[in-house]
Amino acid sequence: MSENVYLAVDLGASGGRVFAGLFDGQSLRLDELHRFEHAAIPAAGSLYWDVLALWREILNGLRAGRAKYGARVRSVGVDAWGVDFGLLGRGDTLLGNPHSYRDPRTQGVMQRTLERVDRQQIYSATGVQFMPINTLYQVMAMRERQSPLLDVSRAFVMIPDLFHWLLTGEQCNEFTNATTTQMFDPTRRGWATDLLSRLELPTDIFPRLVEPGTKLGRLRPSVAEETGLSGVTVTVPATHDTASA
């Protein structure tokens, strides 16, 4: 049986790789197509991810997959680190560069949040360990600083699903990465909207949650043209890199 090819984009906090997974119906083998380094960039006292540079490298990896395997490529999916996110605005717009979880804006925010809502209540609602880098405290830091981005945002997407949006135009958040935010209710398997409301955070910016294995659809026509991957489907993996591992 001939092998089908599935492209996997694996993003870590200091580098990324694009692999081809080749499956003949019984066995799987991996072929590394592209490897690159990246890092958070300090600017004006903040620390940002250069997501457009990451996007360029992803496209380079997809082009390498097309050049080597041609029409045998069936699908693409992205995994990445947890807790970080991007915001999308009206008209399919990316609202700035996402902050890194190492950004100093969260200093002291967790302690101030626990003064507003009891630690046990937050843990009961989310079941996640308390770390200052958690998404909850990043969003609280935006609220404390009266960030205009929070007011004009239409969609919150975790880092891997930011790239799924760039690939397809579809907005969603995959389950495994959502569980890293300390804003997800594992009992209800949905966003912890009661907790978010108590903290005066928006509850209407979260796109649908999807499970690993969800097919989002075909590549945007512009991406298909750029990479040569016509007719390729984007399939959501377990997008938290630890879950994929």
Protein backbone atom coordinates (compact mmCIF):
# COMPACT_ATOMS: atom_id res chain seq x y z
CA MET A 1 0.00 0.00 0.00
CA SER A 2 1.31 3.49 -0.85
CA GLU A 3 1.99 5.90 1.98
CA ASN A 4 -0.18 8.93 2.68
CA VAL A 5 1.63 11.98 4.04
CA TYR A 6 0.49 14.14 6.97
CA LEU A 7 2.39 17.34 7.82
CA ALA A 8 2.90 18.20 11.50
CA VAL A 9 4.05 21.63 12.69
CA ASP A 10 5.59 21.37 16.17
CA LEU A 11 6.28 24.73 17.83
CA GLY A 12 8.26 25.08 21.03
CA ALA A 13 9.14 28.22 22.95
CA SER A 14 12.61 28.41 21.35
CA GLY A 15 12.27 26.57 18.06
CA GLY A 16 10.01 24.77 15.66
CA ARG A 17 9.98 21.79 13.33
CA VAL A 18 7.87 20.62 10.43
CA PHE A 19 7.62 16.87 10.01
CA ALA A 20 6.04 14.59 7.47
CA GLY A 21 4.34 11.57 8.96
CA LEU A 22 4.12 8.76 6.40
CA PHE A 23 1.47 6.10 7.03
CA ASP A 24 0.87 3.02 4.90
CA GLY A 25 -2.12 1.75 6.85
CA GLN A 26 -0.03 -0.27 9.30
CA SER A 27 3.14 1.59 10.24
CA LEU A 28 4.14 5.22 10.68
CA ARG A 29 7.51 6.79 9.94
CA LEU A 30 8.66 10.40 10.36
CA ASP A 31 10.68 12.66 8.09
CA GLU A 32 11.95 16.01 9.37
CA LEU A 33 11.45 18.60 6.65
CA HIS A 34 12.32 21.92 8.27
CA ARG A 35 13.78 23.13 11.57
CA PHE A 36 14.13 26.71 12.78
CA GLU A 37 14.89 28.79 15.86
CA HIS A 38 12.80 31.61 17.28
CA ALA A 39 12.60 33.63 20.47
CA ALA A 40 10.41 36.17 22.22
CA ILE A 41 11.40 39.74 21.35
CA PRO A 42 11.62 42.57 23.90
CA ALA A 43 10.04 45.86 22.81
CA ALA A 44 8.94 48.91 24.82
CA GLY A 45 9.18 47.04 28.12
CA SER A 46 7.14 44.06 26.91
CA LEU A 47 8.03 40.63 25.53
CA TYR A 48 6.31 39.51 22.33
CA TRP A 49 6.20 36.51 20.03
CA ASP A 50 7.00 37.32 16.41
CA VAL A 51 4.11 35.30 15.03
CA LEU A 52 4.60 36.51 11.46
CA ALA A 53 8.18 35.21 11.49
CA LEU A 54 6.81 31.91 12.79
CA TRP A 55 4.20 31.95 10.03
CA ARG A 56 6.93 32.46 7.42
CA GLU A 57 8.81 29.43 8.75
CA ILE A 58 5.62 27.33 8.78
CA LEU A 59 5.05 28.22 5.12
CA ASN A 60 8.66 27.27 4.36
CA GLY A 61 8.06 23.88 5.98
CA LEU A 62 4.82 23.32 4.08
CA ARG A 63 6.54 24.20 0.80
CA ALA A 64 9.26 21.66 1.63
CA GLY A 65 6.57 19.03 2.19
CA ARG A 66 4.95 19.83 -1.15
CA ALA A 67 8.30 19.75 -2.95
CA LYS A 68 9.18 16.33 -1.53
CA TYR A 69 5.83 14.55 -1.42
CA GLY A 70 3.57 16.37 -3.87
CA ALA A 71 -0.04 15.30 -4.05
CA ARG A 72 0.50 12.58 -1.40
CA VAL A 73 0.12 15.24 1.33
CA ARG A 74 -3.32 14.81 2.91
CA SER A 75 -3.46 17.15 5.90
CA VAL A 76 -1.68 19.68 8.11
CA GLY A 77 -1.90 20.35 11.87
CA VAL A 78 -0.11 22.55 14.44
CA ASP A 79 0.84 22.02 18.07
CA ALA A 80 2.57 24.55 20.36
CA TRP A 81 3.24 25.49 23.97
CA GLY A 82 0.41 26.34 26.36
CA VAL A 83 -1.05 29.45 28.06
CA ASP A 84 -0.24 32.06 25.37
CA PHE A 85 -2.83 33.43 22.97
CA GLY A 86 -3.68 35.93 20.27
CA LEU A 87 -6.68 38.19 19.81
CA LEU A 88 -8.58 38.63 16.55
CA GLY A 89 -10.68 41.65 15.70
CA ARG A 90 -13.44 42.50 13.30
CA GLY A 91 -12.75 41.75 9.64
CA ASP A 92 -10.39 38.78 10.12
CA THR A 93 -7.74 40.98 11.77
CA LEU A 94 -4.87 39.95 14.05
CA LEU A 95 -4.70 42.47 16.91
CA GLY A 96 -0.98 42.90 17.47
CA ASN A 97 1.74 40.46 18.40
CA PRO A 98 0.87 38.04 21.23
CA HIS A 99 2.76 38.48 24.48
CA SER A 100 5.09 35.80 25.79
CA TYR A 101 4.21 34.10 29.06
CA ARG A 102 7.54 35.48 30.34
CA ASP A 103 6.34 39.06 29.91
CA PRO A 104 6.66 41.07 33.16
CA ARG A 105 3.08 42.37 32.94
CA THR A 106 1.80 39.50 35.10
CA GLN A 107 3.97 40.33 38.10
CA GLY A 108 1.71 40.48 41.17
CA VAL A 109 -1.45 39.84 39.15
CA MET A 110 -2.11 36.36 40.52
CA GLN A 111 -1.97 37.64 44.10
CA ARG A 112 -4.36 40.50 43.31
CA THR A 113 -6.72 38.11 41.53
CA LEU A 114 -6.82 35.84 44.58
CA GLU A 115 -7.88 38.83 46.64
CA ARG A 116 -10.96 39.11 44.43
CA VAL A 117 -11.85 35.40 44.14
CA ASP A 118 -10.81 32.77 46.68
CA ARG A 119 -8.09 30.29 45.65
CA GLN A 120 -10.33 27.30 46.37
CA GLN A 121 -13.11 28.72 44.19
CA ILE A 122 -10.74 29.22 41.25
CA TYR A 123 -9.34 25.73 41.65
CA SER A 124 -12.81 24.20 41.94
CA ALA A 125 -13.82 25.93 38.71
CA THR A 126 -10.70 25.06 36.69
CA GLY A 127 -8.62 22.32 38.37
CA VAL A 128 -5.35 23.93 37.24
CA GLN A 129 -2.22 24.61 39.27
CA PHE A 130 -1.58 28.24 40.21
CA MET A 131 1.22 29.84 38.17
CA PRO A 132 1.67 33.55 37.42
CA ILE A 133 2.11 32.72 33.72
CA ASN A 134 -1.37 31.19 33.37
CA THR A 135 -3.59 32.73 30.73
CA LEU A 136 -6.07 33.89 33.36
CA TYR A 137 -3.51 36.25 34.89
CA GLN A 138 -2.33 37.43 31.47
CA VAL A 139 -5.89 38.49 30.64
CA MET A 140 -6.31 40.01 34.11
CA ALA A 141 -3.12 42.01 33.45
CA MET A 142 -4.70 43.36 30.27
CA ARG A 143 -7.81 44.35 32.21
CA GLU A 144 -5.75 46.03 34.95
CA ARG A 145 -3.90 48.05 32.30
CA GLN A 146 -7.15 48.87 30.51
CA SER A 147 -5.84 47.39 27.28
CA PRO A 148 -7.88 48.60 24.30
CA LEU A 149 -7.24 45.26 22.60
CA LEU A 150 -9.51 43.51 25.07
CA ASP A 151 -12.33 45.90 24.26
CA VAL A 152 -12.15 45.50 20.47
CA SER A 153 -11.39 41.79 20.39
CA ARG A 154 -13.87 39.47 18.71
CA ALA A 155 -12.02 36.16 19.22
CA PHE A 156 -9.50 34.66 21.65
CA VAL A 157 -7.32 31.93 20.10
CA MET A 158 -4.50 29.94 21.66
CA ILE A 159 -1.17 30.04 19.78
CA PRO A 160 -1.62 26.82 17.73
CA ASP A 161 -5.16 27.79 16.77
CA LEU A 162 -3.92 31.21 15.75
CA PHE A 163 -1.98 29.35 13.07
CA HIS A 164 -4.95 27.13 12.26
CA TRP A 165 -6.86 30.38 11.65
CA LEU A 166 -4.08 31.65 9.37
CA LEU A 167 -4.22 28.33 7.52
CA THR A 168 -8.00 28.09 7.12
CA GLY A 169 -9.80 31.23 8.30
CA GLU A 170 -11.62 29.13 10.92
CA GLN A 171 -11.67 30.31 14.55
CA CYS A 172 -11.62 27.72 17.33
CA ASN A 173 -9.75 26.56 20.43
CA GLU A 174 -8.68 22.95 20.85
CA PHE A 175 -9.47 21.19 24.13
CA THR A 176 -5.98 20.22 25.40
CA ASN A 177 -4.54 23.72 25.07
CA ALA A 178 -7.68 25.30 26.52
CA THR A 179 -7.10 23.28 29.70
CA THR A 180 -3.81 25.17 30.31
CA THR A 181 -5.51 28.56 30.63
CA GLN A 182 -7.06 28.32 34.12
CA MET A 183 -10.17 29.67 32.40
CA PHE A 184 -11.60 26.30 31.33
CA ASP A 185 -14.08 24.26 33.36
CA PRO A 186 -13.15 20.56 32.96
CA THR A 187 -16.41 19.40 34.54
CA ARG A 188 -18.60 21.27 32.08
CA ARG A 189 -15.99 20.96 29.31
CA GLY A 190 -16.46 24.60 28.48
CA TRP A 191 -15.12 28.00 29.41
CA ALA A 192 -15.45 28.95 33.08
CA THR A 193 -17.79 31.82 32.30
CA ASP A 194 -19.01 32.26 35.88
CA LEU A 195 -15.44 32.78 37.07
CA LEU A 196 -14.65 35.12 34.18
CA SER A 197 -17.77 37.19 34.91
CA ARG A 198 -16.83 37.52 38.59
CA LEU A 199 -13.44 38.85 37.48
CA GLU A 200 -15.12 41.27 35.04
CA LEU A 201 -13.50 39.60 32.03
CA PRO A 202 -15.27 39.19 28.67
CA THR A 203 -17.08 35.90 28.12
CA ASP A 204 -18.15 36.44 24.52
CA ILE A 205 -14.76 36.29 22.77
CA PHE A 206 -14.20 32.54 22.92
CA PRO A 207 -14.77 30.63 19.67
CA ARG A 208 -16.00 27.05 19.64
CA LEU A 209 -14.02 24.36 21.41
CA VAL A 210 -12.95 21.39 19.30
CA GLU A 211 -11.54 17.97 20.08
CA PRO A 212 -8.28 16.56 18.70
CA GLY A 213 -8.93 15.06 15.29
CA THR A 214 -11.41 17.74 14.21
CA LYS A 215 -11.18 18.60 10.52
CA LEU A 216 -11.36 22.38 10.18
CA GLY A 217 -11.50 22.45 6.41
CA ARG A 218 -9.27 23.17 3.45
CA LEU A 219 -6.37 25.59 3.33
CA ARG A 220 -7.20 29.18 2.44
CA PRO A 221 -6.84 29.61 -1.34
CA SER A 222 -3.97 32.07 -0.77
CA VAL A 223 -2.11 29.54 1.41
CA ALA A 224 -2.73 26.73 -1.07
CA GLU A 225 -1.30 28.91 -3.84
CA GLU A 226 1.68 29.98 -1.71
CA THR A 227 2.63 26.42 -0.74
CA GLY A 228 1.36 24.40 -3.70
CA LEU A 229 -0.75 22.25 -1.33
CA SER A 230 -4.01 22.28 -3.24
CA GLY A 231 -6.90 20.37 -1.68
CA VAL A 232 -5.12 19.73 1.65
CA THR A 233 -7.23 19.55 4.83
CA VAL A 234 -6.26 21.11 8.17
CA THR A 235 -6.83 18.60 10.97
CA VAL A 236 -6.51 19.75 14.59
CA PRO A 237 -4.13 17.59 16.68
CA ALA A 238 -3.81 17.67 20.45
CA THR A 239 -2.49 21.22 20.16
CA HIS A 240 -0.72 21.42 23.52
CA ASP A 241 2.76 20.12 22.72
CA THR A 242 2.88 18.02 25.89
CA ALA A 243 -0.42 16.37 24.97
CA SER A 244 0.88 15.62 21.47
CA ALA A 245 4.08 14.18 22.92
